[in-house]
Amino acid sequence: MLKAQRDSAISGLSDHHRQQLRQIVDGIKEARLAHPSDGQISARELALGQQANLPAEVRAALEAILVRDETGPNVGEPAPDFCLKRLGSDERVRLSDFRGRRPVALAFGSYT
């Protein structure tokens, strides 16, 4: 699912449905905080019992959030390799060049 599709599913919700979705997401976060050693429990597993009684629009928005959360690497898995251009330079940097040498922090965002 593309980001635009996720955004559309969430932004199209009524205030009441958005509040329902927020309660479910908050419940998932609370469950994860209550059991931090259970890092292997996915958000999808935590949301399973709540999905059946939800309106279709809320289920679609929740599914969009769950798909987003499942697209990255799992805890303990290495990050996928990528190559990026350095800011203000033509030089390129590959994430794997740092593997085993030192920790790397990644910050994504817009600086415009």
N, C-alpha and C. Protein backbone atom coordinates (compact mmCIF):
# COMPACT_ATOMS: atom_id res chain seq x y z
N MET A 1 0.84 -1.18 0.00
CA MET A 1 0.00 0.00 0.00
C MET A 1 0.89 1.24 0.00
N LEU A 2 0.60 2.15 -0.87
CA LEU A 2 1.37 3.37 -0.97
C LEU A 2 0.98 4.34 0.15
N LYS A 3 1.91 5.25 0.45
CA LYS A 3 1.67 6.24 1.50
C LYS A 3 0.41 7.05 1.20
N ALA A 4 0.22 7.43 -0.05
CA ALA A 4 -0.96 8.22 -0.42
C ALA A 4 -2.25 7.45 -0.14
N GLN A 5 -2.23 6.13 -0.36
CA GLN A 5 -3.40 5.32 -0.07
C GLN A 5 -3.66 5.25 1.44
N ARG A 6 -2.58 5.10 2.22
CA ARG A 6 -2.73 5.09 3.68
C ARG A 6 -3.29 6.42 4.17
N ASP A 7 -2.70 7.50 3.68
CA ASP A 7 -3.16 8.83 4.10
C ASP A 7 -4.63 9.04 3.74
N SER A 8 -5.02 8.57 2.55
CA SER A 8 -6.40 8.73 2.10
C SER A 8 -7.35 7.92 2.99
N ALA A 9 -6.96 6.70 3.35
CA ALA A 9 -7.81 5.86 4.20
C ALA A 9 -8.01 6.50 5.56
N ILE A 10 -6.99 7.12 6.09
CA ILE A 10 -7.08 7.73 7.42
C ILE A 10 -7.76 9.09 7.36
N SER A 11 -7.41 9.90 6.38
CA SER A 11 -7.99 11.25 6.33
C SER A 11 -9.46 11.23 5.94
N GLY A 12 -9.91 10.15 5.32
CA GLY A 12 -11.31 10.05 4.93
C GLY A 12 -12.24 9.64 6.06
N LEU A 13 -11.70 9.36 7.24
CA LEU A 13 -12.52 8.93 8.37
C LEU A 13 -13.28 10.10 8.99
N SER A 14 -14.46 9.81 9.47
CA SER A 14 -15.21 10.81 10.25
C SER A 14 -14.49 10.99 11.59
N ASP A 15 -14.84 12.02 12.30
CA ASP A 15 -14.22 12.26 13.61
C ASP A 15 -14.46 11.08 14.55
N HIS A 16 -15.66 10.54 14.53
CA HIS A 16 -15.98 9.39 15.39
C HIS A 16 -15.13 8.17 15.04
N HIS A 17 -15.02 7.88 13.75
CA HIS A 17 -14.21 6.74 13.31
C HIS A 17 -12.73 6.97 13.58
N ARG A 18 -12.28 8.21 13.41
CA ARG A 18 -10.88 8.52 13.71
C ARG A 18 -10.59 8.31 15.19
N GLN A 19 -11.56 8.65 16.03
CA GLN A 19 -11.41 8.43 17.47
C GLN A 19 -11.36 6.93 17.79
N GLN A 20 -12.18 6.13 17.11
CA GLN A 20 -12.13 4.67 17.29
C GLN A 20 -10.75 4.14 16.91
N LEU A 21 -10.24 4.58 15.78
CA LEU A 21 -8.93 4.14 15.32
C LEU A 21 -7.85 4.53 16.32
N ARG A 22 -7.92 5.76 16.81
CA ARG A 22 -6.93 6.24 17.79
C ARG A 22 -6.96 5.39 19.05
N GLN A 23 -8.14 5.01 19.51
CA GLN A 23 -8.24 4.16 20.70
C GLN A 23 -7.59 2.80 20.48
N ILE A 24 -7.77 2.23 19.30
CA ILE A 24 -7.16 0.94 19.00
C ILE A 24 -5.65 1.06 18.94
N VAL A 25 -5.16 2.08 18.25
CA VAL A 25 -3.71 2.29 18.14
C VAL A 25 -3.11 2.54 19.52
N ASP A 26 -3.78 3.34 20.34
CA ASP A 26 -3.30 3.59 21.70
C ASP A 26 -3.29 2.31 22.52
N GLY A 27 -4.31 1.46 22.33
CA GLY A 27 -4.36 0.18 23.03
C GLY A 27 -3.21 -0.73 22.64
N ILE A 28 -2.87 -0.73 21.37
CA ILE A 28 -1.74 -1.53 20.89
C ILE A 28 -0.45 -1.02 21.51
N LYS A 29 -0.27 0.30 21.55
CA LYS A 29 0.94 0.87 22.16
C LYS A 29 1.02 0.52 23.64
N GLU A 30 -0.10 0.62 24.35
CA GLU A 30 -0.12 0.29 25.77
C GLU A 30 0.22 -1.18 26.00
N ALA A 31 -0.32 -2.05 25.16
CA ALA A 31 -0.04 -3.48 25.30
C ALA A 31 1.45 -3.77 25.08
N ARG A 32 2.04 -3.08 24.12
CA ARG A 32 3.48 -3.27 23.88
C ARG A 32 4.31 -2.75 25.05
N LEU A 33 3.91 -1.63 25.62
CA LEU A 33 4.64 -1.08 26.76
C LEU A 33 4.49 -1.95 28.00
N ALA A 34 3.33 -2.57 28.15
CA ALA A 34 3.08 -3.42 29.31
C ALA A 34 3.88 -4.71 29.26
N HIS A 35 4.24 -5.14 28.07
CA HIS A 35 4.99 -6.39 27.89
C HIS A 35 6.18 -6.17 26.98
N PRO A 36 7.16 -5.35 27.41
CA PRO A 36 8.28 -5.03 26.52
C PRO A 36 9.12 -6.25 26.14
N SER A 37 9.14 -7.28 26.96
CA SER A 37 9.93 -8.46 26.62
C SER A 37 9.28 -9.28 25.52
N ASP A 38 8.01 -9.01 25.24
CA ASP A 38 7.30 -9.73 24.19
C ASP A 38 7.41 -8.99 22.86
N GLY A 39 8.60 -8.52 22.51
CA GLY A 39 8.79 -7.75 21.29
C GLY A 39 8.42 -8.50 20.03
N GLN A 40 8.20 -9.80 20.14
CA GLN A 40 7.86 -10.59 18.98
C GLN A 40 6.37 -10.55 18.66
N ILE A 41 5.56 -9.98 19.56
CA ILE A 41 4.12 -9.87 19.30
C ILE A 41 3.91 -8.70 18.34
N SER A 42 3.29 -8.98 17.23
CA SER A 42 3.10 -7.93 16.23
C SER A 42 1.87 -7.09 16.56
N ALA A 43 1.84 -5.92 15.98
CA ALA A 43 0.67 -5.04 16.13
C ALA A 43 -0.56 -5.73 15.57
N ARG A 44 -0.39 -6.49 14.50
CA ARG A 44 -1.52 -7.20 13.89
C ARG A 44 -2.11 -8.20 14.88
N GLU A 45 -1.25 -8.93 15.58
CA GLU A 45 -1.74 -9.90 16.57
C GLU A 45 -2.48 -9.20 17.69
N LEU A 46 -1.98 -8.05 18.12
CA LEU A 46 -2.63 -7.31 19.19
C LEU A 46 -3.98 -6.72 18.75
N ALA A 47 -4.13 -6.45 17.46
CA ALA A 47 -5.35 -5.84 16.95
C ALA A 47 -6.40 -6.87 16.52
N LEU A 48 -6.03 -8.13 16.44
CA LEU A 48 -6.93 -9.15 15.90
C LEU A 48 -8.31 -9.18 16.56
N GLY A 49 -8.36 -9.17 17.86
CA GLY A 49 -9.63 -9.29 18.55
C GLY A 49 -10.54 -8.09 18.38
N GLN A 50 -10.01 -6.97 17.97
CA GLN A 50 -10.78 -5.73 17.88
C GLN A 50 -11.33 -5.46 16.48
N GLN A 51 -10.80 -6.14 15.48
CA GLN A 51 -11.15 -5.81 14.10
C GLN A 51 -12.55 -6.23 13.68
N ALA A 52 -13.06 -7.32 14.23
CA ALA A 52 -14.32 -7.88 13.77
C ALA A 52 -15.50 -6.92 13.92
N ASN A 53 -15.52 -6.15 14.97
CA ASN A 53 -16.66 -5.28 15.25
C ASN A 53 -16.51 -3.86 14.72
N LEU A 54 -15.48 -3.62 13.94
CA LEU A 54 -15.23 -2.26 13.45
C LEU A 54 -15.95 -2.00 12.13
N PRO A 55 -16.35 -0.75 11.90
CA PRO A 55 -16.88 -0.38 10.58
C PRO A 55 -15.80 -0.57 9.51
N ALA A 56 -16.23 -0.81 8.29
CA ALA A 56 -15.29 -1.09 7.18
C ALA A 56 -14.24 0.00 7.02
N GLU A 57 -14.64 1.27 7.19
CA GLU A 57 -13.69 2.38 7.01
C GLU A 57 -12.58 2.33 8.05
N VAL A 58 -12.93 2.00 9.29
CA VAL A 58 -11.94 1.93 10.36
C VAL A 58 -11.04 0.72 10.16
N ARG A 59 -11.63 -0.41 9.72
CA ARG A 59 -10.82 -1.60 9.43
C ARG A 59 -9.80 -1.31 8.33
N ALA A 60 -10.22 -0.59 7.30
CA ALA A 60 -9.32 -0.25 6.19
C ALA A 60 -8.18 0.65 6.68
N ALA A 61 -8.49 1.63 7.51
CA ALA A 61 -7.46 2.53 8.04
C ALA A 61 -6.51 1.78 8.96
N LEU A 62 -7.06 0.89 9.80
CA LEU A 62 -6.22 0.08 10.68
C LEU A 62 -5.32 -0.84 9.87
N GLU A 63 -5.86 -1.44 8.82
CA GLU A 63 -5.05 -2.29 7.95
C GLU A 63 -3.92 -1.50 7.32
N ALA A 64 -4.18 -0.26 6.94
CA ALA A 64 -3.13 0.59 6.36
C ALA A 64 -2.01 0.81 7.36
N ILE A 65 -2.36 1.03 8.61
CA ILE A 65 -1.35 1.24 9.65
C ILE A 65 -0.58 -0.05 9.90
N LEU A 66 -1.27 -1.17 9.94
CA LEU A 66 -0.60 -2.46 10.19
C LEU A 66 0.36 -2.81 9.05
N VAL A 67 -0.06 -2.57 7.82
CA VAL A 67 0.82 -2.83 6.66
C VAL A 67 2.06 -1.95 6.75
N ARG A 68 1.88 -0.69 7.11
CA ARG A 68 3.03 0.22 7.26
C ARG A 68 4.01 -0.32 8.29
N ASP A 69 3.49 -0.79 9.41
CA ASP A 69 4.36 -1.29 10.48
C ASP A 69 5.08 -2.58 10.09
N GLU A 70 4.51 -3.33 9.16
CA GLU A 70 5.10 -4.62 8.76
C GLU A 70 6.11 -4.49 7.63
N THR A 71 6.26 -3.31 7.05
CA THR A 71 7.12 -3.18 5.88
C THR A 71 8.61 -3.10 6.20
N GLY A 72 8.96 -2.72 7.40
CA GLY A 72 10.37 -2.60 7.76
C GLY A 72 10.93 -3.90 8.30
N PRO A 73 12.21 -3.89 8.62
CA PRO A 73 12.82 -5.10 9.20
C PRO A 73 12.28 -5.34 10.61
N ASN A 74 12.27 -6.59 11.01
CA ASN A 74 11.86 -6.95 12.37
C ASN A 74 12.98 -6.62 13.34
N VAL A 75 12.65 -6.57 14.62
CA VAL A 75 13.64 -6.31 15.66
C VAL A 75 14.74 -7.35 15.55
N GLY A 76 15.98 -6.88 15.54
CA GLY A 76 17.13 -7.78 15.48
C GLY A 76 17.61 -8.08 14.07
N GLU A 77 16.81 -7.78 13.06
CA GLU A 77 17.23 -8.00 11.67
C GLU A 77 18.05 -6.80 11.19
N PRO A 78 19.02 -7.06 10.34
CA PRO A 78 19.79 -5.92 9.80
C PRO A 78 18.92 -5.07 8.88
N ALA A 79 19.22 -3.80 8.86
CA ALA A 79 18.50 -2.89 7.96
C ALA A 79 18.86 -3.21 6.52
N PRO A 80 17.94 -3.01 5.60
CA PRO A 80 18.26 -3.24 4.18
C PRO A 80 19.33 -2.25 3.72
N ASP A 81 20.19 -2.71 2.84
CA ASP A 81 21.26 -1.84 2.35
C ASP A 81 20.70 -0.81 1.38
N PHE A 82 21.30 0.37 1.36
CA PHE A 82 20.92 1.40 0.41
C PHE A 82 22.11 2.32 0.19
N CYS A 83 22.04 3.08 -0.88
CA CYS A 83 23.11 4.02 -1.24
C CYS A 83 22.47 5.39 -1.42
N LEU A 84 23.07 6.40 -0.78
CA LEU A 84 22.55 7.76 -0.86
C LEU A 84 23.66 8.75 -1.20
N LYS A 85 23.27 9.83 -1.81
CA LYS A 85 24.20 10.91 -2.11
C LYS A 85 24.41 11.74 -0.85
N ARG A 86 25.67 12.09 -0.56
CA ARG A 86 25.95 12.96 0.59
C ARG A 86 25.45 14.37 0.30
N LEU A 87 24.95 15.02 1.32
CA LEU A 87 24.43 16.37 1.19
C LEU A 87 25.54 17.32 0.75
N GLY A 88 25.30 18.08 -0.30
CA GLY A 88 26.26 19.07 -0.77
C GLY A 88 27.47 18.49 -1.48
N SER A 89 27.36 17.24 -1.96
CA SER A 89 28.49 16.57 -2.60
C SER A 89 27.98 15.59 -3.65
N ASP A 90 28.86 15.19 -4.55
CA ASP A 90 28.49 14.14 -5.51
C ASP A 90 28.87 12.76 -4.97
N GLU A 91 29.55 12.74 -3.82
CA GLU A 91 29.96 11.48 -3.22
C GLU A 91 28.74 10.70 -2.74
N ARG A 92 28.81 9.36 -2.85
CA ARG A 92 27.72 8.49 -2.42
C ARG A 92 28.19 7.64 -1.25
N VAL A 93 27.26 7.30 -0.39
CA VAL A 93 27.56 6.49 0.79
C VAL A 93 26.60 5.30 0.82
N ARG A 94 27.15 4.13 1.11
CA ARG A 94 26.35 2.91 1.21
C ARG A 94 26.29 2.50 2.68
N LEU A 95 25.10 2.17 3.17
CA LEU A 95 24.92 1.78 4.56
C LEU A 95 25.82 0.61 4.92
N SER A 96 25.93 -0.36 4.05
CA SER A 96 26.72 -1.56 4.36
C SER A 96 28.21 -1.25 4.56
N ASP A 97 28.67 -0.09 4.09
CA ASP A 97 30.07 0.28 4.32
C ASP A 97 30.38 0.45 5.80
N PHE A 98 29.36 0.68 6.62
CA PHE A 98 29.56 0.90 8.05
C PHE A 98 29.34 -0.36 8.88
N ARG A 99 28.81 -1.41 8.26
CA ARG A 99 28.48 -2.64 9.00
C ARG A 99 29.72 -3.21 9.67
N GLY A 100 29.59 -3.43 10.98
CA GLY A 100 30.68 -4.01 11.75
C GLY A 100 31.75 -3.01 12.17
N ARG A 101 31.65 -1.79 11.72
CA ARG A 101 32.66 -0.78 12.07
C ARG A 101 32.23 0.13 13.19
N ARG A 102 31.01 0.66 13.09
CA ARG A 102 30.52 1.56 14.12
C ARG A 102 29.00 1.71 13.97
N PRO A 103 28.34 2.12 15.06
CA PRO A 103 26.88 2.32 14.97
C PRO A 103 26.54 3.46 14.02
N VAL A 104 25.39 3.36 13.41
CA VAL A 104 24.91 4.37 12.48
C VAL A 104 23.52 4.80 12.91
N ALA A 105 23.29 6.10 12.99
CA ALA A 105 21.96 6.64 13.27
C ALA A 105 21.44 7.27 12.00
N LEU A 106 20.21 6.95 11.65
CA LEU A 106 19.60 7.49 10.44
C LEU A 106 18.49 8.45 10.83
N ALA A 107 18.49 9.61 10.21
CA ALA A 107 17.42 10.59 10.44
C ALA A 107 16.83 10.94 9.09
N PHE A 108 15.53 10.73 8.95
CA PHE A 108 14.85 11.04 7.70
C PHE A 108 13.90 12.18 7.94
N GLY A 109 13.83 13.07 6.98
CA GLY A 109 12.93 14.19 7.11
C GLY A 109 13.19 15.21 6.03
N SER A 110 12.48 16.28 6.09
CA SER A 110 12.63 17.34 5.12
C SER A 110 13.28 18.53 5.80
N TYR A 111 14.26 19.07 5.16
CA TYR A 111 14.99 20.23 5.72
C TYR A 111 14.74 21.46 4.88
N THR A 112 13.60 21.51 4.21
CA THR A 112 13.30 22.67 3.36
C THR A 112 12.38 23.62 4.06
